């Protein structure tokens, strides 16, 4: 009887642990709400391998030049395209008719830039359309490097329904990449927010007045890895931008900085959610936009339907 009871107790304990793991996994994988017109499986029928194509291409690109990854992530925040995105578009177009927008390619590529350098792996909703017009005033979702936290919240984030946690999480994108010295002009001459003296000396040595095109790592500890060391830098007064360092001093954000510095998983989860929110700002879906033939320019006046038919015929002829 004792052996049977012990066995039952063991089975109950194992079941309890498994149930707990399921609950934790479910919470971790919870997806944020998405706008009408987007879908987590938008290309399931029309181009099911699109995310795999982007992932494989960027694995090769990042292996040759790791600096491309933070560049792509910044493009995502600036809502603009580059040659890297155009190259991916051409590869996708060779396997699928013109159904995948440059806007969606950019979102997938930015997620890959995070994932492939140690950051979280998360789903992104797809189905965006490209702007049918060239917009010189296209959205820029990044505040300038010398803005203080209260200004960032009131001018950039709160009007878009983003809160202080979103601000601190998205600022964590500075955990990799580099900055030009010209963007740090006030960091070494102003001690508010505070700056570590040795770190200040390093910045001044790297960025003399006649070398403003020099660059510095945004994360002095792990500059090529997406992790939570950015927040540890802030706690040590080693934030490169004023906008970064002020997060660790402002009453609205300093506790969030402390949490992310001590819990990388929490940072990853909050970053993923905020990333998805950013990816839906001013989004075009359905008939509101188009799928561009080139990521650098809107399509010609020829109808999208006619162009897609031509492309399908071309793909079929090459099979």
C-alpha atoms as a PDB file:
ATOM      1  CA  UNK A   1       0.000   0.000   0.000  1.00  0.00           C
ATOM      2  CA  UNK A   2       2.802   2.395   0.878  1.00  0.00           C
ATOM      3  CA  UNK A   3       4.446   1.721  -2.506  1.00  0.00           C
ATOM      4  CA  UNK A   4       1.143   2.387  -4.337  1.00  0.00           C
ATOM      5  CA  UNK A   5       0.547   5.576  -2.361  1.00  0.00           C
ATOM      6  CA  UNK A   6       4.081   6.781  -3.074  1.00  0.00           C
ATOM      7  CA  UNK A   7       3.560   6.063  -6.765  1.00  0.00           C
ATOM      8  CA  UNK A   8       0.268   7.967  -6.766  1.00  0.00           C
ATOM      9  CA  UNK A   9       1.940  10.869  -5.006  1.00  0.00           C
ATOM     10  CA  UNK A  10       4.742  10.889  -7.582  1.00  0.00           C
ATOM     11  CA  UNK A  11       2.255  10.832 -10.472  1.00  0.00           C
ATOM     12  CA  UNK A  12       0.266  13.651  -8.878  1.00  0.00           C
ATOM     13  CA  UNK A  13       3.448  15.712  -8.448  1.00  0.00           C
ATOM     14  CA  UNK A  14       4.515  15.122 -12.058  1.00  0.00           C
ATOM     15  CA  UNK A  15       1.022  16.023 -13.307  1.00  0.00           C
ATOM     16  CA  UNK A  16       1.072  19.190 -11.224  1.00  0.00           C
ATOM     17  CA  UNK A  17       4.453  20.218 -12.653  1.00  0.00           C
ATOM     18  CA  UNK A  18       3.315  19.496 -16.233  1.00  0.00           C
ATOM     19  CA  UNK A  19       0.114  21.467 -15.701  1.00  0.00           C
ATOM     20  CA  UNK A  20       2.142  24.377 -14.342  1.00  0.00           C
ATOM     21  CA  UNK A  21       4.432  24.286 -17.374  1.00  0.00           C
ATOM     22  CA  UNK A  22       1.445  24.342 -19.709  1.00  0.00           C
ATOM     23  CA  UNK A  23       0.030  27.373 -17.900  1.00  0.00           C
ATOM     24  CA  UNK A  24       3.383  29.185 -18.086  1.00  0.00           C
ATOM     25  CA  UNK A  25       3.780  28.351 -21.789  1.00  0.00           C
ATOM     26  CA  UNK A  26       0.240  29.510 -22.548  1.00  0.00           C
ATOM     27  CA  UNK A  27       0.872  32.809 -20.792  1.00  0.00           C
ATOM     28  CA  UNK A  28       4.176  33.308 -22.580  1.00  0.00           C
ATOM     29  CA  UNK A  29       2.678  32.578 -25.985  1.00  0.00           C
ATOM     30  CA  UNK A  30      -0.369  34.816 -25.531  1.00  0.00           C
ATOM     31  CA  UNK A  31      -0.744  37.066 -28.564  1.00  0.00           C
ATOM     32  CA  UNK A  32      -1.697  40.737 -28.457  1.00  0.00           C
ATOM     33  CA  UNK A  33      -4.790  42.001 -30.319  1.00  0.00           C
ATOM     34  CA  UNK A  34      -4.440  42.835 -34.003  1.00  0.00           C
ATOM     35  CA  UNK A  35      -6.221  45.284 -36.276  1.00  0.00           C
ATOM     36  CA  UNK A  36      -8.859  44.248 -38.784  1.00  0.00           C
ATOM     37  CA  UNK A  37      -7.308  43.055 -42.033  1.00  0.00           C
ATOM     38  CA  UNK A  38      -4.226  41.436 -40.488  1.00  0.00           C
ATOM     39  CA  UNK A  39      -3.934  37.754 -39.660  1.00  0.00           C
ATOM     40  CA  UNK A  40      -1.403  35.512 -37.914  1.00  0.00           C
ATOM     41  CA  UNK A  41      -1.566  33.115 -40.919  1.00  0.00           C
ATOM     42  CA  UNK A  42      -2.254  35.556 -43.730  1.00  0.00           C
ATOM     43  CA  UNK A  43      -0.007  33.852 -46.326  1.00  0.00           C
ATOM     44  CA  UNK A  44      -0.896  30.274 -45.354  1.00  0.00           C
ATOM     45  CA  UNK A  45      -2.323  29.555 -48.817  1.00  0.00           C
ATOM     46  CA  UNK A  46      -0.789  32.191 -51.080  1.00  0.00           C
ATOM     47  CA  UNK A  47       2.868  32.013 -49.933  1.00  0.00           C
ATOM     48  CA  UNK A  48       3.242  29.565 -47.010  1.00  0.00           C
ATOM     49  CA  UNK A  49       7.068  29.606 -46.968  1.00  0.00           C
ATOM     50  CA  UNK A  50       7.472  33.384 -46.850  1.00  0.00           C
ATOM     51  CA  UNK A  51       8.785  33.548 -43.283  1.00  0.00           C
ATOM     52  CA  UNK A  52      11.149  30.647 -43.882  1.00  0.00           C
ATOM     53  CA  UNK A  53      12.487  32.349 -47.021  1.00  0.00           C
ATOM     54  CA  UNK A  54      13.180  35.574 -45.118  1.00  0.00           C
ATOM     55  CA  UNK A  55      14.771  33.678 -42.232  1.00  0.00           C
ATOM     56  CA  UNK A  56      17.140  31.671 -44.449  1.00  0.00           C
ATOM     57  CA  UNK A  57      18.193  34.676 -46.511  1.00  0.00           C
ATOM     58  CA  UNK A  58      18.936  36.782 -43.449  1.00  0.00           C
ATOM     59  CA  UNK A  59      20.898  33.993 -41.786  1.00  0.00           C
ATOM     60  CA  UNK A  60      23.338  34.249 -44.709  1.00  0.00           C
ATOM     61  CA  UNK A  61      23.316  38.055 -44.683  1.00  0.00           C
ATOM     62  CA  UNK A  62      23.892  38.350 -40.928  1.00  0.00           C
ATOM     63  CA  UNK A  63      26.692  35.797 -41.023  1.00  0.00           C
ATOM     64  CA  UNK A  64      28.564  38.048 -43.460  1.00  0.00           C
ATOM     65  CA  UNK A  65      27.736  41.326 -41.704  1.00  0.00           C
ATOM     66  CA  UNK A  66      26.151  41.383 -38.251  1.00  0.00           C
ATOM     67  CA  UNK A  67      25.717  45.148 -38.483  1.00  0.00           C
ATOM     68  CA  UNK A  68      22.850  44.682 -40.938  1.00  0.00           C
ATOM     69  CA  UNK A  69      20.570  43.345 -38.156  1.00  0.00           C
ATOM     70  CA  UNK A  70      20.271  46.507 -36.011  1.00  0.00           C
ATOM     71  CA  UNK A  71      20.018  48.471 -39.249  1.00  0.00           C
ATOM     72  CA  UNK A  72      16.966  46.488 -40.326  1.00  0.00           C
ATOM     73  CA  UNK A  73      15.380  46.914 -36.904  1.00  0.00           C
ATOM     74  CA  UNK A  74      15.813  50.681 -37.173  1.00  0.00           C
ATOM     75  CA  UNK A  75      14.249  50.609 -40.648  1.00  0.00           C
ATOM     76  CA  UNK A  76      11.230  48.944 -39.075  1.00  0.00           C
ATOM     77  CA  UNK A  77      10.829  51.790 -36.574  1.00  0.00           C
ATOM     78  CA  UNK A  78      11.328  54.364 -39.322  1.00  0.00           C
ATOM     79  CA  UNK A  79       8.830  52.588 -41.606  1.00  0.00           C
ATOM     80  CA  UNK A  80      11.087  52.713 -44.654  1.00  0.00           C
ATOM     81  CA  UNK A  81      12.819  50.254 -46.985  1.00  0.00           C
ATOM     82  CA  UNK A  82      16.404  49.467 -47.932  1.00  0.00           C
ATOM     83  CA  UNK A  83      18.269  47.372 -50.458  1.00  0.00           C
ATOM     84  CA  UNK A  84      18.219  44.418 -48.049  1.00  0.00           C
ATOM     85  CA  UNK A  85      14.412  44.423 -48.087  1.00  0.00           C
ATOM     86  CA  UNK A  86      14.353  44.783 -51.886  1.00  0.00           C
ATOM     87  CA  UNK A  87      16.660  41.774 -52.211  1.00  0.00           C
ATOM     88  CA  UNK A  88      14.343  39.668 -50.037  1.00  0.00           C
ATOM     89  CA  UNK A  89      11.363  40.834 -52.107  1.00  0.00           C
ATOM     90  CA  UNK A  90      13.042  39.569 -55.278  1.00  0.00           C
ATOM     91  CA  UNK A  91      13.744  36.157 -53.709  1.00  0.00           C
ATOM     92  CA  UNK A  92      10.157  35.797 -52.480  1.00  0.00           C
ATOM     93  CA  UNK A  93       8.774  36.947 -55.819  1.00  0.00           C
ATOM     94  CA  UNK A  94      10.664  34.153 -57.571  1.00  0.00           C
ATOM     95  CA  UNK A  95       8.657  31.589 -55.590  1.00  0.00           C
ATOM     96  CA  UNK A  96       5.306  33.321 -55.048  1.00  0.00           C
ATOM     97  CA  UNK A  97       3.148  35.608 -57.195  1.00  0.00           C
ATOM     98  CA  UNK A  98       3.070  39.233 -56.126  1.00  0.00           C
ATOM     99  CA  UNK A  99       1.083  38.776 -52.939  1.00  0.00           C
ATOM    100  CA  UNK A 100       3.655  39.585 -50.220  1.00  0.00           C
ATOM    101  CA  UNK A 101       3.967  43.301 -49.532  1.00  0.00           C
ATOM    102  CA  UNK A 102       7.235  45.098 -48.821  1.00  0.00           C
ATOM    103  CA  UNK A 103       5.647  46.273 -45.554  1.00  0.00           C
ATOM    104  CA  UNK A 104       5.159  42.679 -44.401  1.00  0.00           C
ATOM    105  CA  UNK A 105       8.668  41.706 -45.539  1.00  0.00           C
ATOM    106  CA  UNK A 106      10.098  44.518 -43.413  1.00  0.00           C
ATOM    107  CA  UNK A 107       8.165  43.369 -40.330  1.00  0.00           C
ATOM    108  CA  UNK A 108       9.313  39.753 -40.762  1.00  0.00           C
ATOM    109  CA  UNK A 109      12.908  40.851 -41.372  1.00  0.00           C
ATOM    110  CA  UNK A 110      12.927  43.067 -38.263  1.00  0.00           C
ATOM    111  CA  UNK A 111      11.616  40.187 -36.156  1.00  0.00           C
ATOM    112  CA  UNK A 112      14.393  38.003 -37.581  1.00  0.00           C
ATOM    113  CA  UNK A 113      17.004  40.648 -36.756  1.00  0.00           C
ATOM    114  CA  UNK A 114      15.909  40.333 -33.130  1.00  0.00           C
ATOM    115  CA  UNK A 115      15.532  36.539 -33.051  1.00  0.00           C
ATOM    116  CA  UNK A 116      18.764  35.638 -34.807  1.00  0.00           C
ATOM    117  CA  UNK A 117      20.878  37.662 -32.385  1.00  0.00           C
ATOM    118  CA  UNK A 118      19.529  36.064 -29.229  1.00  0.00           C
ATOM    119  CA  UNK A 119      16.251  37.929 -28.788  1.00  0.00           C
ATOM    120  CA  UNK A 120      12.728  36.537 -28.503  1.00  0.00           C
ATOM    121  CA  UNK A 121      11.089  34.495 -31.253  1.00  0.00           C
ATOM    122  CA  UNK A 122       7.488  35.595 -31.695  1.00  0.00           C
ATOM    123  CA  UNK A 123       4.723  35.605 -34.278  1.00  0.00           C
ATOM    124  CA  UNK A 124       3.854  38.740 -36.232  1.00  0.00           C
ATOM    125  CA  UNK A 125       0.457  39.365 -37.839  1.00  0.00           C
ATOM    126  CA  UNK A 126       0.636  39.871 -41.594  1.00  0.00           C
ATOM    127  CA  UNK A 127      -1.535  41.219 -44.378  1.00  0.00           C
ATOM    128  CA  UNK A 128      -0.257  44.791 -44.697  1.00  0.00           C
ATOM    129  CA  UNK A 129      -0.401  46.579 -48.005  1.00  0.00           C
ATOM    130  CA  UNK A 130       2.174  49.061 -49.278  1.00  0.00           C
ATOM    131  CA  UNK A 131       1.419  52.750 -49.612  1.00  0.00           C
ATOM    132  CA  UNK A 132       0.257  53.442 -53.208  1.00  0.00           C
ATOM    133  CA  UNK A 133       1.853  56.886 -53.021  1.00  0.00           C
ATOM    134  CA  UNK A 134       5.367  58.084 -52.290  1.00  0.00           C
ATOM    135  CA  UNK A 135       5.096  59.780 -48.911  1.00  0.00           C
ATOM    136  CA  UNK A 136       8.013  61.986 -47.965  1.00  0.00           C
ATOM    137  CA  UNK A 137       6.376  62.471 -44.564  1.00  0.00           C
ATOM    138  CA  UNK A 138       6.033  58.747 -43.823  1.00  0.00           C
ATOM    139  CA  UNK A 139       5.797  57.834 -40.128  1.00  0.00           C
ATOM    140  CA  UNK A 140       8.928  57.958 -37.993  1.00  0.00           C
ATOM    141  CA  UNK A 141       8.313  56.049 -34.793  1.00  0.00           C
ATOM    142  CA  UNK A 142      11.567  56.959 -33.048  1.00  0.00           C
ATOM    143  CA  UNK A 143      12.067  60.020 -30.838  1.00  0.00           C
ATOM    144  CA  UNK A 144      15.350  61.888 -31.153  1.00  0.00           C
ATOM    145  CA  UNK A 145      18.295  60.687 -28.972  1.00  0.00           C
ATOM    146  CA  UNK A 146      18.371  63.725 -26.688  1.00  0.00           C
ATOM    147  CA  UNK A 147      14.679  63.742 -25.702  1.00  0.00           C
ATOM    148  CA  UNK A 148      13.837  63.228 -22.035  1.00  0.00           C
ATOM    149  CA  UNK A 149      11.384  60.565 -20.879  1.00  0.00           C
ATOM    150  CA  UNK A 150       8.434  62.856 -20.158  1.00  0.00           C
ATOM    151  CA  UNK A 151       8.683  64.351 -23.642  1.00  0.00           C
ATOM    152  CA  UNK A 152       8.934  60.922 -25.263  1.00  0.00           C
ATOM    153  CA  UNK A 153       5.822  59.744 -23.442  1.00  0.00           C
ATOM    154  CA  UNK A 154       3.725  62.850 -24.061  1.00  0.00           C
ATOM    155  CA  UNK A 155       4.790  63.546 -27.666  1.00  0.00           C
ATOM    156  CA  UNK A 156       5.490  60.106 -29.143  1.00  0.00           C
ATOM    157  CA  UNK A 157       4.042  57.255 -27.121  1.00  0.00           C
ATOM    158  CA  UNK A 158       0.888  58.217 -25.243  1.00  0.00           C
ATOM    159  CA  UNK A 159      -0.824  59.727 -28.332  1.00  0.00           C
ATOM    160  CA  UNK A 160      -0.413  56.293 -29.969  1.00  0.00           C
ATOM    161  CA  UNK A 161      -1.803  54.458 -26.902  1.00  0.00           C
ATOM    162  CA  UNK A 162       1.618  53.215 -25.796  1.00  0.00           C
ATOM    163  CA  UNK A 163       2.478  53.280 -22.114  1.00  0.00           C
ATOM    164  CA  UNK A 164       5.688  53.602 -20.089  1.00  0.00           C
ATOM    165  CA  UNK A 165       6.352  49.849 -20.267  1.00  0.00           C
ATOM    166  CA  UNK A 166       6.169  49.992 -24.069  1.00  0.00           C
ATOM    167  CA  UNK A 167       8.615  52.900 -24.110  1.00  0.00           C
ATOM    168  CA  UNK A 168      11.155  51.120 -21.911  1.00  0.00           C
ATOM    169  CA  UNK A 169      10.780  47.823 -23.796  1.00  0.00           C
ATOM    170  CA  UNK A 170      11.170  49.386 -27.248  1.00  0.00           C
ATOM    171  CA  UNK A 171      14.172  51.410 -26.066  1.00  0.00           C
ATOM    172  CA  UNK A 172      15.777  48.017 -25.447  1.00  0.00           C
ATOM    173  CA  UNK A 173      16.304  47.823 -29.200  1.00  0.00           C
ATOM    174  CA  UNK A 174      19.477  49.778 -28.380  1.00  0.00           C
ATOM    175  CA  UNK A 175      20.919  46.581 -26.926  1.00  0.00           C
ATOM    176  CA  UNK A 176      22.763  46.175 -30.217  1.00  0.00           C
ATOM    177  CA  UNK A 177      23.953  48.402 -33.039  1.00  0.00           C
ATOM    178  CA  UNK A 178      26.051  51.560 -33.184  1.00  0.00           C
ATOM    179  CA  UNK A 179      25.501  55.334 -33.101  1.00  0.00           C
ATOM    180  CA  UNK A 180      27.317  58.174 -34.825  1.00  0.00           C
ATOM    181  CA  UNK A 181      29.191  60.538 -32.556  1.00  0.00           C
ATOM    182  CA  UNK A 182      27.219  63.464 -33.964  1.00  0.00           C
ATOM    183  CA  UNK A 183      24.119  62.174 -32.139  1.00  0.00           C
ATOM    184  CA  UNK A 184      25.883  62.297 -28.739  1.00  0.00           C
ATOM    185  CA  UNK A 185      26.766  65.993 -28.701  1.00  0.00           C
ATOM    186  CA  UNK A 186      25.047  66.664 -25.364  1.00  0.00           C
ATOM    187  CA  UNK A 187      25.849  63.398 -23.545  1.00  0.00           C
ATOM    188  CA  UNK A 188      29.400  64.304 -22.540  1.00  0.00           C
ATOM    189  CA  UNK A 189      28.720  67.958 -21.644  1.00  0.00           C
ATOM    190  CA  UNK A 190      25.675  67.408 -19.456  1.00  0.00           C
ATOM    191  CA  UNK A 191      25.738  65.387 -16.213  1.00  0.00           C
ATOM    192  CA  UNK A 192      21.943  65.202 -16.027  1.00  0.00           C
ATOM    193  CA  UNK A 193      21.010  62.418 -16.470  1.00  0.00           C
ATOM    194  CA  UNK A 194      24.112  61.075 -14.697  1.00  0.00           C
ATOM    195  CA  UNK A 195      27.008  59.557 -16.609  1.00  0.00           C
ATOM    196  CA  UNK A 196      29.736  57.233 -15.331  1.00  0.00           C
ATOM    197  CA  UNK A 197      33.082  59.178 -15.405  1.00  0.00           C
ATOM    198  CA  UNK A 198      35.048  56.355 -17.060  1.00  0.00           C
ATOM    199  CA  UNK A 199      32.312  55.879 -19.640  1.00  0.00           C
ATOM    200  CA  UNK A 200      32.315  59.618 -20.318  1.00  0.00           C
ATOM    201  CA  UNK A 201      36.065  59.506 -20.920  1.00  0.00           C
ATOM    202  CA  UNK A 202      35.596  56.636 -23.379  1.00  0.00           C
ATOM    203  CA  UNK A 203      32.982  58.598 -25.331  1.00  0.00           C
ATOM    204  CA  UNK A 204      35.167  61.707 -25.440  1.00  0.00           C
ATOM    205  CA  UNK A 205      38.155  59.676 -26.651  1.00  0.00           C
ATOM    206  CA  UNK A 206      36.098  58.056 -29.405  1.00  0.00           C
ATOM    207  CA  UNK A 207      34.239  61.223 -30.380  1.00  0.00           C
ATOM    208  CA  UNK A 208      36.587  64.224 -30.565  1.00  0.00           C
ATOM    209  CA  UNK A 209      35.179  67.299 -32.304  1.00  0.00           C
ATOM    210  CA  UNK A 210      36.924  66.497 -35.588  1.00  0.00           C
ATOM    211  CA  UNK A 211      35.735  62.845 -35.636  1.00  0.00           C
ATOM    212  CA  UNK A 212      31.959  63.160 -35.510  1.00  0.00           C
ATOM    213  CA  UNK A 213      31.528  60.441 -38.134  1.00  0.00           C
ATOM    214  CA  UNK A 214      33.044  57.895 -35.744  1.00  0.00           C
ATOM    215  CA  UNK A 215      30.636  55.406 -34.204  1.00  0.00           C
ATOM    216  CA  UNK A 216      30.183  53.908 -30.741  1.00  0.00           C
ATOM    217  CA  UNK A 217      28.476  50.735 -29.565  1.00  0.00           C
ATOM    218  CA  UNK A 218      25.031  51.347 -28.094  1.00  0.00           C
ATOM    219  CA  UNK A 219      25.668  48.521 -25.606  1.00  0.00           C
ATOM    220  CA  UNK A 220      29.182  48.485 -24.147  1.00  0.00           C
ATOM    221  CA  UNK A 221      28.805  44.973 -22.709  1.00  0.00           C
ATOM    222  CA  UNK A 222      27.300  42.791 -25.455  1.00  0.00           C
ATOM    223  CA  UNK A 223      27.139  45.037 -28.554  1.00  0.00           C
ATOM    224  CA  UNK A 224      26.258  42.271 -31.031  1.00  0.00           C
ATOM    225  CA  UNK A 225      23.686  40.407 -28.938  1.00  0.00           C
ATOM    226  CA  UNK A 226      20.020  41.146 -28.296  1.00  0.00           C
ATOM    227  CA  UNK A 227      19.712  40.776 -24.524  1.00  0.00           C
ATOM    228  CA  UNK A 228      18.899  42.791 -21.399  1.00  0.00           C
ATOM    229  CA  UNK A 229      22.419  44.160 -20.832  1.00  0.00           C
ATOM    230  CA  UNK A 230      21.218  47.520 -22.136  1.00  0.00           C
ATOM    231  CA  UNK A 231      19.279  47.978 -18.895  1.00  0.00           C
ATOM    232  CA  UNK A 232      22.258  46.972 -16.765  1.00  0.00           C
ATOM    233  CA  UNK A 233      24.226  49.668 -18.598  1.00  0.00           C
ATOM    234  CA  UNK A 234      21.584  52.223 -17.600  1.00  0.00           C
ATOM    235  CA  UNK A 235      21.791  51.194 -13.938  1.00  0.00           C
ATOM    236  CA  UNK A 236      25.540  51.825 -14.178  1.00  0.00           C
ATOM    237  CA  UNK A 237      24.997  55.260 -15.793  1.00  0.00           C
ATOM    238  CA  UNK A 238      26.436  53.981 -19.076  1.00  0.00           C
ATOM    239  CA  UNK A 239      23.572  54.764 -21.449  1.00  0.00           C
ATOM    240  CA  UNK A 240      24.818  56.181 -24.747  1.00  0.00           C
ATOM    241  CA  UNK A 241      21.847  58.452 -25.474  1.00  0.00           C
ATOM    242  CA  UNK A 242      20.287  60.952 -23.106  1.00  0.00           C
ATOM    243  CA  UNK A 243      16.913  59.429 -23.988  1.00  0.00           C
ATOM    244  CA  UNK A 244      18.220  56.046 -22.820  1.00  0.00           C
ATOM    245  CA  UNK A 245      19.838  57.092 -19.548  1.00  0.00           C
ATOM    246  CA  UNK A 246      16.892  59.212 -18.465  1.00  0.00           C
ATOM    247  CA  UNK A 247      14.726  56.078 -18.331  1.00  0.00           C
ATOM    248  CA  UNK A 248      16.670  54.922 -15.265  1.00  0.00           C
ATOM    249  CA  UNK A 249      16.010  58.211 -13.422  1.00  0.00           C
ATOM    250  CA  UNK A 250      12.455  59.130 -14.312  1.00  0.00           C
ATOM    251  CA  UNK A 251       9.864  58.087 -11.680  1.00  0.00           C
ATOM    252  CA  UNK A 252       7.555  56.733 -14.392  1.00  0.00           C
ATOM    253  CA  UNK A 253      10.113  54.329 -15.843  1.00  0.00           C
ATOM    254  CA  UNK A 254      12.949  53.596 -13.406  1.00  0.00           C
ATOM    255  CA  UNK A 255      11.238  50.598 -11.782  1.00  0.00           C
ATOM    256  CA  UNK A 256      10.567  49.105 -15.215  1.00  0.00           C
ATOM    257  CA  UNK A 257      14.271  49.472 -16.045  1.00  0.00           C
ATOM    258  CA  UNK A 258      15.122  47.634 -12.825  1.00  0.00           C
ATOM    259  CA  UNK A 259      12.681  44.803 -13.649  1.00  0.00           C
ATOM    260  CA  UNK A 260      14.035  44.327 -17.155  1.00  0.00           C
ATOM    261  CA  UNK A 261      17.633  44.420 -15.868  1.00  0.00           C
ATOM    262  CA  UNK A 262      16.900  41.557 -13.470  1.00  0.00           C
ATOM    263  CA  UNK A 263      14.505  39.553 -15.676  1.00  0.00           C
ATOM    264  CA  UNK A 264      15.397  39.079 -19.337  1.00  0.00           C
ATOM    265  CA  UNK A 265      12.304  36.968 -20.046  1.00  0.00           C
ATOM    266  CA  UNK A 266      10.028  39.778 -18.919  1.00  0.00           C
ATOM    267  CA  UNK A 267      11.885  42.194 -21.187  1.00  0.00           C
ATOM    268  CA  UNK A 268      11.568  39.781 -24.125  1.00  0.00           C
ATOM    269  CA  UNK A 269       7.824  39.326 -23.605  1.00  0.00           C
ATOM    270  CA  UNK A 270       7.146  43.048 -23.262  1.00  0.00           C
ATOM    271  CA  UNK A 271       9.362  43.854 -26.251  1.00  0.00           C
ATOM    272  CA  UNK A 272       7.550  41.312 -28.449  1.00  0.00           C
ATOM    273  CA  UNK A 273       4.155  42.761 -27.513  1.00  0.00           C
ATOM    274  CA  UNK A 274       5.300  46.332 -28.093  1.00  0.00           C
ATOM    275  CA  UNK A 275       6.902  45.327 -31.418  1.00  0.00           C
ATOM    276  CA  UNK A 276       3.566  43.927 -32.639  1.00  0.00           C
ATOM    277  CA  UNK A 277       1.829  47.136 -31.543  1.00  0.00           C
ATOM    278  CA  UNK A 278       4.322  49.276 -33.472  1.00  0.00           C
ATOM    279  CA  UNK A 279       3.907  47.043 -36.536  1.00  0.00           C
ATOM    280  CA  UNK A 280       0.223  48.034 -36.665  1.00  0.00           C
ATOM    281  CA  UNK A 281       0.619  51.815 -36.562  1.00  0.00           C
ATOM    282  CA  UNK A 282      -1.059  53.483 -39.554  1.00  0.00           C
ATOM    283  CA  UNK A 283      -1.299  50.080 -41.211  1.00  0.00           C
ATOM    284  CA  UNK A 284      -2.951  49.730 -44.648  1.00  0.00           C
ATOM    285  CA  UNK A 285      -4.924  46.560 -45.433  1.00  0.00           C
ATOM    286  CA  UNK A 286      -7.210  45.245 -48.162  1.00  0.00           C
ATOM    287  CA  UNK A 287      -7.962  47.824 -50.852  1.00  0.00           C
ATOM    288  CA  UNK A 288      -6.313  50.631 -48.905  1.00  0.00           C
ATOM    289  CA  UNK A 289      -2.933  49.909 -50.468  1.00  0.00           C
ATOM    290  CA  UNK A 290      -1.060  47.793 -52.989  1.00  0.00           C
ATOM    291  CA  UNK A 291       1.674  45.173 -53.237  1.00  0.00           C
ATOM    292  CA  UNK A 292       4.606  46.993 -54.785  1.00  0.00           C
ATOM    293  CA  UNK A 293       6.590  45.612 -57.704  1.00  0.00           C
ATOM    294  CA  UNK A 294       9.612  47.379 -56.202  1.00  0.00           C
ATOM    295  CA  UNK A 295       9.998  48.372 -52.572  1.00  0.00           C
ATOM    296  CA  UNK A 296      11.531  51.684 -53.611  1.00  0.00           C
ATOM    297  CA  UNK A 297       8.549  53.122 -55.491  1.00  0.00           C
ATOM    298  CA  UNK A 298       4.773  52.846 -55.867  1.00  0.00           C
ATOM    299  CA  UNK A 299       3.424  50.869 -58.800  1.00  0.00           C
ATOM    300  CA  UNK A 300       2.531  52.332 -62.188  1.00  0.00           C
ATOM    301  CA  UNK A 301      -1.050  53.067 -63.162  1.00  0.00           C
ATOM    302  CA  UNK A 302      -1.462  49.542 -64.518  1.00  0.00           C
ATOM    303  CA  UNK A 303      -3.984  47.680 -62.385  1.00  0.00           C
ATOM    304  CA  UNK A 304      -2.669  45.418 -59.646  1.00  0.00           C
ATOM    305  CA  UNK A 305      -4.788  42.534 -60.953  1.00  0.00           C
ATOM    306  CA  UNK A 306      -3.231  42.710 -64.412  1.00  0.00           C
ATOM    307  CA  UNK A 307       0.284  42.889 -62.986  1.00  0.00           C
ATOM    308  CA  UNK A 308      -0.276  39.882 -60.718  1.00  0.00           C
ATOM    309  CA  UNK A 309      -1.685  37.832 -63.609  1.00  0.00           C
ATOM    310  CA  UNK A 310       1.424  38.626 -65.653  1.00  0.00           C
ATOM    311  CA  UNK A 311       3.631  37.587 -62.759  1.00  0.00           C
ATOM    312  CA  UNK A 312       1.820  34.281 -62.177  1.00  0.00           C
ATOM    313  CA  UNK A 313       2.199  33.444 -65.865  1.00  0.00           C
ATOM    314  CA  UNK A 314       5.907  34.235 -65.657  1.00  0.00           C
ATOM    315  CA  UNK A 315       6.437  32.045 -62.589  1.00  0.00           C
ATOM    316  CA  UNK A 316       4.536  29.159 -64.196  1.00  0.00           C
ATOM    317  CA  UNK A 317       6.637  29.420 -67.342  1.00  0.00           C
ATOM    318  CA  UNK A 318       9.823  29.008 -65.323  1.00  0.00           C
ATOM    319  CA  UNK A 319       8.661  25.966 -63.374  1.00  0.00           C
END
